[in-house]
PDB file of N, CA and C in Angstrom:
ATOM      1  N   UNK A   1     -59.932-119.447-172.856  1.00  0.00           N
ATOM      2  CA  UNK A   1     -61.388-120.491-173.423  1.00  0.00           C
ATOM      3  C   UNK A   1     -62.468-119.987-172.505  1.00  0.00           C
ATOM      4  N   UNK A   2     -63.617-119.684-173.469  1.00  0.00           N
ATOM      5  CA  UNK A   2     -64.553-119.180-172.751  1.00  0.00           C
ATOM      6  C   UNK A   2     -65.527-120.278-172.026  1.00  0.00           C
ATOM      7  N   UNK A   3     -66.451-119.883-171.266  1.00  0.00           N
ATOM      8  CA  UNK A   3     -67.172-121.093-170.458  1.00  0.00           C
ATOM      9  C   UNK A   3     -67.974-121.907-171.016  1.00  0.00           C
ATOM     10  N   UNK A   4     -68.433-121.485-172.446  1.00  0.00           N
ATOM     11  CA  UNK A   4     -69.161-122.642-173.185  1.00  0.00           C
ATOM     12  C   UNK A   4     -67.944-123.526-173.988  1.00  0.00           C
ATOM     13  N   UNK A   5     -66.877-123.122-174.483  1.00  0.00           N
ATOM     14  CA  UNK A   5     -66.050-123.908-174.863  1.00  0.00           C
ATOM     15  C   UNK A   5     -65.096-124.830-173.942  1.00  0.00           C
ATOM     16  N   UNK A   6     -65.432-124.386-172.268  1.00  0.00           N
ATOM     17  CA  UNK A   6     -64.652-125.103-171.428  1.00  0.00           C
ATOM     18  C   UNK A   6     -65.573-126.281-171.335  1.00  0.00           C
ATOM     19  N   UNK A   7     -67.082-126.159-171.306  1.00  0.00           N
ATOM     20  CA  UNK A   7     -67.899-126.857-171.078  1.00  0.00           C
ATOM     21  C   UNK A   7     -68.188-128.058-172.055  1.00  0.00           C
ATOM     22  N   UNK A   8     -68.085-127.515-173.536  1.00  0.00           N
ATOM     23  CA  UNK A   8     -67.971-128.154-174.827  1.00  0.00           C
ATOM     24  C   UNK A   8     -66.580-129.248-174.921  1.00  0.00           C
ATOM     25  N   UNK A   9     -65.748-128.771-174.210  1.00  0.00           N
ATOM     26  CA  UNK A   9     -64.203-129.690-174.287  1.00  0.00           C
ATOM     27  C   UNK A   9     -64.659-130.760-173.072  1.00  0.00           C
ATOM     28  N   UNK A  10     -64.950-130.276-171.981  1.00  0.00           N
ATOM     29  CA  UNK A  10     -65.555-131.206-170.746  1.00  0.00           C
ATOM     30  C   UNK A  10     -66.166-132.156-171.332  1.00  0.00           C
ATOM     31  N   UNK A  11     -67.592-132.143-172.032  1.00  0.00           N
ATOM     32  CA  UNK A  11     -68.220-133.261-172.361  1.00  0.00           C
ATOM     33  C   UNK A  11     -67.472-134.144-173.302  1.00  0.00           C
ATOM     34  N   UNK A  12     -67.017-133.678-174.142  1.00  0.00           N
ATOM     35  CA  UNK A  12     -65.910-134.513-175.209  1.00  0.00           C
ATOM     36  C   UNK A  12     -65.264-135.463-174.273  1.00  0.00           C
ATOM     37  N   UNK A  13     -64.080-134.618-173.229  1.00  0.00           N
ATOM     38  CA  UNK A  13     -63.612-135.750-172.817  1.00  0.00           C
ATOM     39  C   UNK A  13     -63.995-136.761-171.691  1.00  0.00           C
ATOM     40  N   UNK A  14     -65.492-136.523-171.258  1.00  0.00           N
ATOM     41  CA  UNK A  14     -66.227-137.118-170.595  1.00  0.00           C
ATOM     42  C   UNK A  14     -66.575-138.336-171.407  1.00  0.00           C
ATOM     43  N   UNK A  15     -66.646-138.134-172.722  1.00  0.00           N
ATOM     44  CA  UNK A  15     -67.338-139.061-173.761  1.00  0.00           C
ATOM     45  C   UNK A  15     -66.056-139.696-174.085  1.00  0.00           C
ATOM     46  N   UNK A  16     -65.060-139.475-174.012  1.00  0.00           N
ATOM     47  CA  UNK A  16     -63.966-140.121-174.563  1.00  0.00           C
ATOM     48  C   UNK A  16     -63.490-141.090-173.396  1.00  0.00           C
ATOM     49  N   UNK A  17     -63.467-140.532-172.480  1.00  0.00           N
ATOM     50  CA  UNK A  17     -63.284-141.441-171.171  1.00  0.00           C
ATOM     51  C   UNK A  17     -64.059-142.500-171.095  1.00  0.00           C
ATOM     52  N   UNK A  18     -65.519-142.258-171.101  1.00  0.00           N
ATOM     53  CA  UNK A  18     -66.235-143.022-171.340  1.00  0.00           C
ATOM     54  C   UNK A  18     -66.274-144.459-172.059  1.00  0.00           C
ATOM     55  N   UNK A  19     -66.006-143.922-173.307  1.00  0.00           N
ATOM     56  CA  UNK A  19     -65.647-144.644-174.483  1.00  0.00           C
ATOM     57  C   UNK A  19     -64.579-145.570-174.099  1.00  0.00           C
ATOM     58  N   UNK A  20     -63.336-145.040-173.651  1.00  0.00           N
ATOM     59  CA  UNK A  20     -62.411-146.046-173.169  1.00  0.00           C
ATOM     60  C   UNK A  20     -62.525-146.907-172.123  1.00  0.00           C
ATOM     61  N   UNK A  21     -63.547-146.656-171.169  1.00  0.00           N
ATOM     62  CA  UNK A  21     -63.771-147.126-170.145  1.00  0.00           C
ATOM     63  C   UNK A  21     -64.585-148.360-170.748  1.00  0.00           C
ATOM     64  N   UNK A  22     -65.498-148.503-171.567  1.00  0.00           N
ATOM     65  CA  UNK A  22     -66.251-149.114-172.280  1.00  0.00           C
ATOM     66  C   UNK A  22     -65.165-150.513-172.955  1.00  0.00           C
ATOM     67  N   UNK A  23     -64.561-149.914-173.494  1.00  0.00           N
ATOM     68  CA  UNK A  23     -63.302-150.792-174.335  1.00  0.00           C
ATOM     69  C   UNK A  23     -62.746-151.456-173.421  1.00  0.00           C
ATOM     70  N   UNK A  24     -62.076-150.740-172.603  1.00  0.00           N
ATOM     71  CA  UNK A  24     -61.263-151.392-171.111  1.00  0.00           C
ATOM     72  C   UNK A  24     -61.862-152.708-170.669  1.00  0.00           C
ATOM     73  N   UNK A  25     -63.333-152.355-170.202  1.00  0.00           N
ATOM     74  CA  UNK A  25     -64.074-153.480-169.948  1.00  0.00           C
ATOM     75  C   UNK A  25     -64.420-154.601-171.019  1.00  0.00           C
ATOM     76  N   UNK A  26     -64.497-154.509-172.096  1.00  0.00           N
ATOM     77  CA  UNK A  26     -64.627-155.549-172.964  1.00  0.00           C
ATOM     78  C   UNK A  26     -63.587-155.983-173.243  1.00  0.00           C
ATOM     79  N   UNK A  27     -62.556-155.591-173.272  1.00  0.00           N
ATOM     80  CA  UNK A  27     -61.140-156.162-173.296  1.00  0.00           C
ATOM     81  C   UNK A  27     -60.720-157.221-171.984  1.00  0.00           C
ATOM     82  N   UNK A  28     -61.281-156.697-171.100  1.00  0.00           N
ATOM     83  CA  UNK A  28     -60.945-157.528-169.733  1.00  0.00           C
ATOM     84  C   UNK A  28     -61.923-158.756-170.075  1.00  0.00           C
ATOM     85  N   UNK A  29     -62.940-158.540-170.094  1.00  0.00           N
ATOM     86  CA  UNK A  29     -64.054-159.611-170.194  1.00  0.00           C
ATOM     87  C   UNK A  29     -63.425-160.634-171.437  1.00  0.00           C
ATOM     88  N   UNK A  30     -62.915-160.069-172.650  1.00  0.00           N
ATOM     89  CA  UNK A  30     -62.530-161.230-173.428  1.00  0.00           C
ATOM     90  C   UNK A  30     -61.123-162.034-172.871  1.00  0.00           C
ATOM     91  N   UNK A  31     -60.519-161.355-172.145  1.00  0.00           N
ATOM     92  CA  UNK A  31     -59.395-161.996-171.601  1.00  0.00           C
ATOM     93  C   UNK A  31     -59.810-163.161-170.410  1.00  0.00           C
ATOM     94  N   UNK A  32     -60.827-162.533-169.601  1.00  0.00           N
ATOM     95  CA  UNK A  32     -61.524-163.420-168.488  1.00  0.00           C
ATOM     96  C   UNK A  32     -61.763-164.547-169.181  1.00  0.00           C
ATOM     97  N   UNK A  33     -62.679-164.353-170.519  1.00  0.00           N
ATOM     98  CA  UNK A  33     -63.195-165.728-171.021  1.00  0.00           C
ATOM     99  C   UNK A  33     -62.260-166.463-171.605  1.00  0.00           C
ATOM    100  N   UNK A  34     -61.206-165.839-172.039  1.00  0.00           N
ATOM    101  CA  UNK A  34     -60.132-166.776-172.393  1.00  0.00           C
ATOM    102  C   UNK A  34     -59.537-167.679-171.401  1.00  0.00           C
ATOM    103  N   UNK A  35     -59.053-167.249-170.454  1.00  0.00           N
ATOM    104  CA  UNK A  35     -58.533-167.900-169.283  1.00  0.00           C
ATOM    105  C   UNK A  35     -59.612-168.633-169.038  1.00  0.00           C
ATOM    106  N   UNK A  36     -60.920-168.570-168.686  1.00  0.00           N
ATOM    107  CA  UNK A  36     -61.805-169.680-168.391  1.00  0.00           C
ATOM    108  C   UNK A  36     -61.859-171.139-169.241  1.00  0.00           C
ATOM    109  N   UNK A  37     -61.979-170.576-170.527  1.00  0.00           N
ATOM    110  CA  UNK A  37     -62.125-171.584-171.490  1.00  0.00           C
ATOM    111  C   UNK A  37     -60.788-172.690-171.456  1.00  0.00           C
ATOM    112  N   UNK A  38     -59.679-172.060-171.317  1.00  0.00           N
ATOM    113  CA  UNK A  38     -58.237-173.041-171.173  1.00  0.00           C
ATOM    114  C   UNK A  38     -57.392-172.833-170.106  1.00  0.00           C
ATOM    115  N   UNK A  39     -56.914-174.128-169.907  1.00  0.00           N
ATOM    116  CA  UNK A  39     -56.132-174.121-168.764  1.00  0.00           C
ATOM    117  C   UNK A  39     -54.391-173.816-169.614  1.00  0.00           C
ATOM    118  N   UNK A  40     -53.762-173.139-168.366  1.00  0.00           N
ATOM    119  CA  UNK A  40     -52.547-172.521-169.255  1.00  0.00           C
ATOM    120  C   UNK A  40     -51.815-173.695-169.726  1.00  0.00           C
ATOM    121  N   UNK A  41     -51.824-174.886-169.243  1.00  0.00           N
ATOM    122  CA  UNK A  41     -51.139-176.224-170.240  1.00  0.00           C
ATOM    123  C   UNK A  41     -51.691-176.223-171.548  1.00  0.00           C
ATOM    124  N   UNK A  42     -52.785-175.993-171.584  1.00  0.00           N
ATOM    125  CA  UNK A  42     -53.706-176.106-172.825  1.00  0.00           C
ATOM    126  C   UNK A  42     -53.146-174.942-173.835  1.00  0.00           C
ATOM    127  N   UNK A  43     -52.675-173.987-173.496  1.00  0.00           N
ATOM    128  CA  UNK A  43     -52.780-172.762-174.455  1.00  0.00           C
ATOM    129  C   UNK A  43     -51.383-172.726-175.175  1.00  0.00           C
ATOM    130  N   UNK A  44     -51.153-172.835-176.186  1.00  0.00           N
ATOM    131  CA  UNK A  44     -49.964-172.752-177.108  1.00  0.00           C
ATOM    132  C   UNK A  44     -49.706-171.275-177.092  1.00  0.00           C
ATOM    133  N   UNK A  45     -48.109-171.058-177.466  1.00  0.00           N
ATOM    134  CA  UNK A  45     -47.159-170.088-177.135  1.00  0.00           C
ATOM    135  C   UNK A  45     -48.159-169.050-178.019  1.00  0.00           C
ATOM    136  N   UNK A  46     -48.754-169.121-178.838  1.00  0.00           N
ATOM    137  CA  UNK A  46     -49.547-167.599-180.153  1.00  0.00           C
ATOM    138  C   UNK A  46     -50.471-167.324-178.972  1.00  0.00           C
ATOM    139  N   UNK A  47     -51.504-168.457-178.233  1.00  0.00           N
ATOM    140  CA  UNK A  47     -52.371-168.023-177.365  1.00  0.00           C
ATOM    141  C   UNK A  47     -51.524-167.117-175.838  1.00  0.00           C
ATOM    142  N   UNK A  48     -50.632-167.394-175.556  1.00  0.00           N
ATOM    143  CA  UNK A  48     -50.156-166.655-174.509  1.00  0.00           C
ATOM    144  C   UNK A  48     -49.585-165.201-174.741  1.00  0.00           C
ATOM    145  N   UNK A  49     -49.174-165.422-176.332  1.00  0.00           N
ATOM    146  CA  UNK A  49     -48.473-163.996-176.981  1.00  0.00           C
ATOM    147  C   UNK A  49     -49.663-162.856-177.249  1.00  0.00           C
ATOM    148  N   UNK A  50     -50.785-163.795-177.498  1.00  0.00           N
ATOM    149  CA  UNK A  50     -52.041-162.992-177.780  1.00  0.00           C
ATOM    150  C   UNK A  50     -52.718-162.330-176.508  1.00  0.00           C
ATOM    151  N   UNK A  51     -52.507-163.165-175.723  1.00  0.00           N
ATOM    152  CA  UNK A  51     -52.963-162.728-173.961  1.00  0.00           C
ATOM    153  C   UNK A  51     -52.117-161.686-173.354  1.00  0.00           C
ATOM    154  N   UNK A  52     -50.747-161.822-173.555  1.00  0.00           N
ATOM    155  CA  UNK A  52     -50.013-160.674-173.124  1.00  0.00           C
ATOM    156  C   UNK A  52     -50.337-159.606-173.843  1.00  0.00           C
ATOM    157  N   UNK A  53     -50.729-159.513-175.095  1.00  0.00           N
ATOM    158  CA  UNK A  53     -50.628-158.277-175.958  1.00  0.00           C
ATOM    159  C   UNK A  53     -52.175-157.856-175.504  1.00  0.00           C
ATOM    160  N   UNK A  54     -52.917-158.559-175.203  1.00  0.00           N
ATOM    161  CA  UNK A  54     -54.439-158.141-174.818  1.00  0.00           C
ATOM    162  C   UNK A  54     -54.194-157.449-173.405  1.00  0.00           C
ATOM    163  N   UNK A  55     -53.421-158.062-172.723  1.00  0.00           N
ATOM    164  CA  UNK A  55     -53.088-157.552-171.081  1.00  0.00           C
ATOM    165  C   UNK A  55     -52.189-156.164-171.475  1.00  0.00           C
ATOM    166  N   UNK A  56     -51.490-155.953-172.347  1.00  0.00           N
ATOM    167  CA  UNK A  56     -50.760-154.732-172.513  1.00  0.00           C
ATOM    168  C   UNK A  56     -51.584-153.561-173.218  1.00  0.00           C
ATOM    169  N   UNK A  57     -52.333-154.053-174.094  1.00  0.00           N
ATOM    170  CA  UNK A  57     -53.553-152.856-174.335  1.00  0.00           C
ATOM    171  C   UNK A  57     -54.519-152.500-173.328  1.00  0.00           C
ATOM    172  N   UNK A  58     -54.799-153.539-172.590  1.00  0.00           N
ATOM    173  CA  UNK A  58     -55.882-152.876-171.397  1.00  0.00           C
ATOM    174  C   UNK A  58     -54.842-152.151-170.537  1.00  0.00           C
ATOM    175  N   UNK A  59     -53.433-152.652-170.224  1.00  0.00           N
ATOM    176  CA  UNK A  59     -52.689-151.587-169.426  1.00  0.00           C
ATOM    177  C   UNK A  59     -52.929-150.149-170.124  1.00  0.00           C
ATOM    178  N   UNK A  60     -52.388-150.307-171.451  1.00  0.00           N
ATOM    179  CA  UNK A  60     -52.421-148.738-172.113  1.00  0.00           C
ATOM    180  C   UNK A  60     -53.866-148.138-172.220  1.00  0.00           C
ATOM    181  N   UNK A  61     -54.907-148.649-172.095  1.00  0.00           N
ATOM    182  CA  UNK A  61     -56.305-148.169-172.378  1.00  0.00           C
ATOM    183  C   UNK A  61     -56.483-147.724-170.870  1.00  0.00           C
ATOM    184  N   UNK A  62     -56.258-148.392-169.679  1.00  0.00           N
ATOM    185  CA  UNK A  62     -56.397-147.744-168.591  1.00  0.00           C
ATOM    186  C   UNK A  62     -55.098-146.585-168.329  1.00  0.00           C
ATOM    187  N   UNK A  63     -54.106-146.356-168.966  1.00  0.00           N
ATOM    188  CA  UNK A  63     -53.167-145.359-168.854  1.00  0.00           C
ATOM    189  C   UNK A  63     -53.841-144.174-169.576  1.00  0.00           C
ATOM    190  N   UNK A  64     -54.442-144.575-170.613  1.00  0.00           N
ATOM    191  CA  UNK A  64     -55.066-143.545-171.353  1.00  0.00           C
ATOM    192  C   UNK A  64     -56.624-142.914-170.293  1.00  0.00           C
ATOM    193  N   UNK A  65     -57.172-143.509-169.867  1.00  0.00           N
ATOM    194  CA  UNK A  65     -58.143-143.044-169.240  1.00  0.00           C
ATOM    195  C   UNK A  65     -57.715-142.436-168.078  1.00  0.00           C
ATOM    196  N   UNK A  66     -56.884-142.878-167.518  1.00  0.00           N
ATOM    197  CA  UNK A  66     -56.564-142.126-166.113  1.00  0.00           C
ATOM    198  C   UNK A  66     -56.416-140.772-166.643  1.00  0.00           C
ATOM    199  N   UNK A  67     -55.465-140.502-167.658  1.00  0.00           N
ATOM    200  CA  UNK A  67     -54.958-139.339-168.474  1.00  0.00           C
ATOM    201  C   UNK A  67     -55.948-138.186-168.713  1.00  0.00           C
ATOM    202  N   UNK A  68     -56.988-139.181-169.672  1.00  0.00           N
ATOM    203  CA  UNK A  68     -58.448-138.523-169.779  1.00  0.00           C
ATOM    204  C   UNK A  68     -59.046-138.094-168.711  1.00  0.00           C
ATOM    205  N   UNK A  69     -59.003-138.706-167.444  1.00  0.00           N
ATOM    206  CA  UNK A  69     -59.743-138.323-166.065  1.00  0.00           C
ATOM    207  C   UNK A  69     -59.084-137.166-165.791  1.00  0.00           C
ATOM    208  N   UNK A  70     -58.141-137.119-165.783  1.00  0.00           N
ATOM    209  CA  UNK A  70     -56.890-136.021-165.159  1.00  0.00           C
ATOM    210  C   UNK A  70     -57.511-134.970-166.102  1.00  0.00           C
ATOM    211  N   UNK A  71     -57.498-134.880-167.467  1.00  0.00           N
ATOM    212  CA  UNK A  71     -57.822-133.882-168.043  1.00  0.00           C
ATOM    213  C   UNK A  71     -59.271-133.285-168.026  1.00  0.00           C
ATOM    214  N   UNK A  72     -60.340-134.174-167.475  1.00  0.00           N
ATOM    215  CA  UNK A  72     -61.435-133.912-167.220  1.00  0.00           C
ATOM    216  C   UNK A  72     -61.552-133.254-166.204  1.00  0.00           C
ATOM    217  N   UNK A  73     -60.971-133.662-164.872  1.00  0.00           N
ATOM    218  CA  UNK A  73     -60.745-132.934-163.667  1.00  0.00           C
ATOM    219  C   UNK A  73     -60.123-131.354-163.597  1.00  0.00           C
ATOM    220  N   UNK A  74     -59.049-131.570-164.727  1.00  0.00           N
ATOM    221  CA  UNK A  74     -58.599-129.973-164.966  1.00  0.00           C
ATOM    222  C   UNK A  74     -59.293-129.048-165.668  1.00  0.00           C
ATOM    223  N   UNK A  75     -60.093-129.816-166.712  1.00  0.00           N
ATOM    224  CA  UNK A  75     -61.665-128.856-167.196  1.00  0.00           C
ATOM    225  C   UNK A  75     -62.251-128.420-166.209  1.00  0.00           C
ATOM    226  N   UNK A  76     -63.036-129.635-165.235  1.00  0.00           N
ATOM    227  CA  UNK A  76     -64.005-128.858-164.389  1.00  0.00           C
ATOM    228  C   UNK A  76     -63.202-127.774-163.220  1.00  0.00           C
ATOM    229  N   UNK A  77     -62.098-127.929-163.284  1.00  0.00           N
ATOM    230  CA  UNK A  77     -61.435-126.552-162.546  1.00  0.00           C
ATOM    231  C   UNK A  77     -61.324-125.566-163.072  1.00  0.00           C
ATOM    232  N   UNK A  78     -60.856-125.344-164.149  1.00  0.00           N
ATOM    233  CA  UNK A  78     -61.214-124.100-164.938  1.00  0.00           C
ATOM    234  C   UNK A  78     -62.389-123.589-165.642  1.00  0.00           C
ATOM    235  N   UNK A  79     -63.464-124.498-165.615  1.00  0.00           N
ATOM    236  CA  UNK A  79     -65.008-124.157-166.002  1.00  0.00           C
ATOM    237  C   UNK A  79     -65.253-123.623-164.286  1.00  0.00           C
ATOM    238  N   UNK A  80     -64.922-124.035-163.402  1.00  0.00           N
ATOM    239  CA  UNK A  80     -65.188-123.708-161.952  1.00  0.00           C
ATOM    240  C   UNK A  80     -64.712-122.228-161.857  1.00  0.00           C
ATOM    241  N   UNK A  81     -63.677-122.098-162.214  1.00  0.00           N
ATOM    242  CA  UNK A  81     -62.747-121.043-161.876  1.00  0.00           C
ATOM    243  C   UNK A  81     -63.350-119.560-162.976  1.00  0.00           C
ATOM    244  N   UNK A  82     -63.624-120.189-164.195  1.00  0.00           N
ATOM    245  CA  UNK A  82     -64.383-119.158-165.146  1.00  0.00           C
ATOM    246  C   UNK A  82     -65.782-118.803-164.313  1.00  0.00           C
ATOM    247  N   UNK A  83     -66.605-119.572-163.967  1.00  0.00           N
ATOM    248  CA  UNK A  83     -67.793-119.212-163.467  1.00  0.00           C
ATOM    249  C   UNK A  83     -67.529-118.505-162.308  1.00  0.00           C
ATOM    250  N   UNK A  84     -66.623-118.614-161.474  1.00  0.00           N
ATOM    251  CA  UNK A  84     -66.200-117.994-160.285  1.00  0.00           C
ATOM    252  C   UNK A  84     -66.193-116.305-160.720  1.00  0.00           C
ATOM    253  N   UNK A  85     -65.018-116.358-161.682  1.00  0.00           N
ATOM    254  CA  UNK A  85     -64.794-115.272-162.178  1.00  0.00           C
ATOM    255  C   UNK A  85     -66.056-114.199-162.414  1.00  0.00           C
ATOM    256  N   UNK A  86     -67.103-115.010-163.588  1.00  0.00           N
ATOM    257  CA  UNK A  86     -67.834-114.461-164.347  1.00  0.00           C
ATOM    258  C   UNK A  86     -69.005-113.749-163.155  1.00  0.00           C
ATOM    259  N   UNK A  87     -68.868-114.894-162.276  1.00  0.00           N
ATOM    260  CA  UNK A  87     -70.191-114.338-160.981  1.00  0.00           C
ATOM    261  C   UNK A  87     -69.686-113.217-160.178  1.00  0.00           C
ATOM    262  N   UNK A  88     -68.575-112.992-160.210  1.00  0.00           N
ATOM    263  CA  UNK A  88     -68.030-111.807-159.327  1.00  0.00           C
ATOM    264  C   UNK A  88     -68.003-110.815-159.784  1.00  0.00           C
ATOM    265  N   UNK A  89     -67.874-110.725-161.407  1.00  0.00           N
ATOM    266  CA  UNK A  89     -68.001-109.521-162.540  1.00  0.00           C
ATOM    267  C   UNK A  89     -69.441-109.544-162.409  1.00  0.00           C
ATOM    268  N   UNK A  90     -70.433-110.214-162.410  1.00  0.00           N
ATOM    269  CA  UNK A  90     -72.066-109.917-162.443  1.00  0.00           C
ATOM    270  C   UNK A  90     -72.238-109.223-161.385  1.00  0.00           C
ATOM    271  N   UNK A  91     -71.669-109.733-159.946  1.00  0.00           N
ATOM    272  CA  UNK A  91     -72.019-109.016-158.740  1.00  0.00           C
ATOM    273  C   UNK A  91     -71.758-107.695-158.705  1.00  0.00           C
ATOM    274  N   UNK A  92     -70.224-107.149-159.043  1.00  0.00           N
ATOM    275  CA  UNK A  92     -69.864-106.204-159.282  1.00  0.00           C
ATOM    276  C   UNK A  92     -70.387-105.254-160.291  1.00  0.00           C
ATOM    277  N   UNK A  93     -71.087-105.820-161.139  1.00  0.00           N
ATOM    278  CA  UNK A  93     -71.905-105.048-161.872  1.00  0.00           C
ATOM    279  C   UNK A  93     -73.121-104.526-161.754  1.00  0.00           C
ATOM    280  N   UNK A  94     -73.687-105.495-160.947  1.00  0.00           N
ATOM    281  CA  UNK A  94     -74.777-105.230-160.152  1.00  0.00           C
ATOM    282  C   UNK A  94     -75.018-104.294-158.678  1.00  0.00           C
ATOM    283  N   UNK A  95     -73.639-104.452-158.494  1.00  0.00           N
ATOM    284  CA  UNK A  95     -73.745-103.313-157.110  1.00  0.00           C
ATOM    285  C   UNK A  95     -73.455-102.106-157.973  1.00  0.00           C
ATOM    286  N   UNK A  96     -72.742-101.747-159.059  1.00  0.00           N
ATOM    287  CA  UNK A  96     -72.533-100.597-159.513  1.00  0.00           C
ATOM    288  C   UNK A  96     -74.045-100.011-160.163  1.00  0.00           C
ATOM    289  N   UNK A  97     -74.583-100.811-160.832  1.00  0.00           N
ATOM    290  CA  UNK A  97     -75.968-100.344-161.599  1.00  0.00           C
ATOM    291  C   UNK A  97     -77.103-100.126-160.253  1.00  0.00           C
ATOM    292  N   UNK A  98     -76.820-100.904-158.818  1.00  0.00           N
ATOM    293  CA  UNK A  98     -77.829-100.646-157.883  1.00  0.00           C
ATOM    294  C   UNK A  98     -77.342 -99.516-157.347  1.00  0.00           C
ATOM    295  N   UNK A  99     -76.220 -99.009-157.087  1.00  0.00           N
ATOM    296  CA  UNK A  99     -75.693 -97.520-156.797  1.00  0.00           C
ATOM    297  C   UNK A  99     -76.094 -96.386-157.751  1.00  0.00           C
ATOM    298  N   UNK A 100     -75.975 -96.664-158.964  1.00  0.00           N
ATOM    299  CA  UNK A 100     -76.410 -95.548-159.832  1.00  0.00           C
ATOM    300  C   UNK A 100     -77.948 -95.358-160.067  1.00  0.00           C
ATOM    301  N   UNK A 101     -78.787 -96.613-159.619  1.00  0.00           N
ATOM    302  CA  UNK A 101     -79.976 -96.308-159.392  1.00  0.00           C
ATOM    303  C   UNK A 101     -80.334 -95.563-158.189  1.00  0.00           C
ATOM    304  N   UNK A 102     -80.045 -96.021-157.266  1.00  0.00           N
ATOM    305  CA  UNK A 102     -80.024 -95.365-156.206  1.00  0.00           C
ATOM    306  C   UNK A 102     -79.645 -93.998-156.257  1.00  0.00           C
ATOM    307  N   UNK A 103     -78.466 -93.633-156.569  1.00  0.00           N
ATOM    308  CA  UNK A 103     -78.304 -92.337-156.871  1.00  0.00           C
ATOM    309  C   UNK A 103     -79.098 -91.442-157.947  1.00  0.00           C
ATOM    310  N   UNK A 104     -79.637 -91.836-158.680  1.00  0.00           N
ATOM    311  CA  UNK A 104     -80.519 -91.330-159.485  1.00  0.00           C
ATOM    312  C   UNK A 104     -81.574 -91.169-159.058  1.00  0.00           C
ATOM    313  N   UNK A 105     -82.275 -92.214-158.062  1.00  0.00           N
ATOM    314  CA  UNK A 105     -83.484 -92.043-157.276  1.00  0.00           C
ATOM    315  C   UNK A 105     -83.377 -90.837-156.394  1.00  0.00           C
ATOM    316  N   UNK A 106     -82.284 -90.754-155.825  1.00  0.00           N
ATOM    317  CA  UNK A 106     -81.973 -89.520-154.940  1.00  0.00           C
ATOM    318  C   UNK A 106     -82.389 -88.092-155.655  1.00  0.00           C
ATOM    319  N   UNK A 107     -81.461 -88.295-156.582  1.00  0.00           N
ATOM    320  CA  UNK A 107     -81.351 -86.823-157.583  1.00  0.00           C
ATOM    321  C   UNK A 107     -82.398 -86.730-158.126  1.00  0.00           C
ATOM    322  N   UNK A 108     -83.408 -87.130-158.371  1.00  0.00           N
ATOM    323  CA  UNK A 108     -84.780 -87.195-158.792  1.00  0.00           C
ATOM    324  C   UNK A 108     -85.807 -86.637-157.347  1.00  0.00           C
ATOM    325  N   UNK A 109     -85.626 -87.270-156.311  1.00  0.00           N
ATOM    326  CA  UNK A 109     -86.245 -86.268-155.361  1.00  0.00           C
ATOM    327  C   UNK A 109     -86.042 -85.398-154.694  1.00  0.00           C
ATOM    328  N   UNK A 110     -84.648 -85.121-154.696  1.00  0.00           N
ATOM    329  CA  UNK A 110     -84.226 -83.611-154.547  1.00  0.00           C
ATOM    330  C   UNK A 110     -84.513 -82.603-155.365  1.00  0.00           C
ATOM    331  N   UNK A 111     -84.906 -83.109-156.733  1.00  0.00           N
ATOM    332  CA  UNK A 111     -85.382 -82.083-158.040  1.00  0.00           C
ATOM    333  C   UNK A 111     -86.921 -81.763-158.044  1.00  0.00           C
ATOM    334  N   UNK A 112     -87.577 -83.023-157.376  1.00  0.00           N
ATOM    335  CA  UNK A 112     -88.952 -82.895-156.844  1.00  0.00           C
ATOM    336  C   UNK A 112     -89.270 -81.713-155.758  1.00  0.00           C
ATOM    337  N   UNK A 113     -88.298 -81.954-155.143  1.00  0.00           N
ATOM    338  CA  UNK A 113     -88.542 -81.186-153.439  1.00  0.00           C
ATOM    339  C   UNK A 113     -88.186 -79.802-153.758  1.00  0.00           C
ATOM    340  N   UNK A 114     -87.241 -79.467-154.785  1.00  0.00           N
ATOM    341  CA  UNK A 114     -86.644 -78.014-155.123  1.00  0.00           C
ATOM    342  C   UNK A 114     -87.873 -77.823-155.995  1.00  0.00           C
ATOM    343  N   UNK A 115     -88.348 -78.435-156.920  1.00  0.00           N
ATOM    344  CA  UNK A 115     -89.359 -78.066-157.806  1.00  0.00           C
ATOM    345  C   UNK A 115     -90.590 -77.394-156.723  1.00  0.00           C
ATOM    346  N   UNK A 116     -90.982 -78.193-155.969  1.00  0.00           N
ATOM    347  CA  UNK A 116     -92.303 -78.111-155.129  1.00  0.00           C
ATOM    348  C   UNK A 116     -91.657 -77.074-154.044  1.00  0.00           C
ATOM    349  N   UNK A 117     -90.413 -76.524-153.573  1.00  0.00           N
ATOM    350  CA  UNK A 117     -90.362 -75.623-152.767  1.00  0.00           C
ATOM    351  C   UNK A 117     -90.060 -74.278-153.581  1.00  0.00           C
ATOM    352  N   UNK A 118     -89.676 -73.956-154.766  1.00  0.00           N
ATOM    353  CA  UNK A 118     -89.760 -73.179-155.558  1.00  0.00           C
ATOM    354  C   UNK A 118     -90.792 -72.707-156.527  1.00  0.00           C
ATOM    355  N   UNK A 119     -91.279 -71.515-156.205  1.00  0.00           N
ATOM    356  CA  UNK A 119     -92.183 -70.828-156.848  1.00  0.00           C
ATOM    357  C   UNK A 119     -92.023 -71.062-158.387  1.00  0.00           C
ATOM    358  N   UNK A 120     -92.594 -71.515-159.215  1.00  0.00           N
ATOM    359  CA  UNK A 120     -92.683 -71.653-160.560  1.00  0.00           C
ATOM    360  C   UNK A 120     -93.304 -70.626-161.205  1.00  0.00           C
ATOM    361  N   UNK A 121     -92.769 -69.778-161.978  1.00  0.00           N
ATOM    362  CA  UNK A 121     -93.449 -68.156-162.994  1.00  0.00           C
ATOM    363  C   UNK A 121     -93.747 -69.065-164.115  1.00  0.00           C
ATOM    364  N   UNK A 122     -94.850 -68.636-164.526  1.00  0.00           N
ATOM    365  CA  UNK A 122     -95.462 -68.823-165.529  1.00  0.00           C
ATOM    366  C   UNK A 122     -95.777 -67.589-166.267  1.00  0.00           C
TER     367      UNK A 122
END
């Protein structure tokens, strides 16, 4: 995967995790509201089942969110590794070009010295 694709995937995972976190918070708030409005004695069996189902959904959303966060962390590690590799490659290329430039400059200086020392025939 290229660095750009890694970053794009990372952004999508973060957005998905954020969306799941919002959904989870909304469901927890709905459960809390439901509990505040009624006491356990007032709840009928259907309400209890709905509450249990909501809690199961919240648990599942939490597990999905954890999984997404782990994927985001792995993508971050992958992106960091890719960037480090690209940086090393660029540094090596820079050093190679720097040596070539220095060698080329030295050769030009030698040629000029030789031209000045050697009488030219016209």
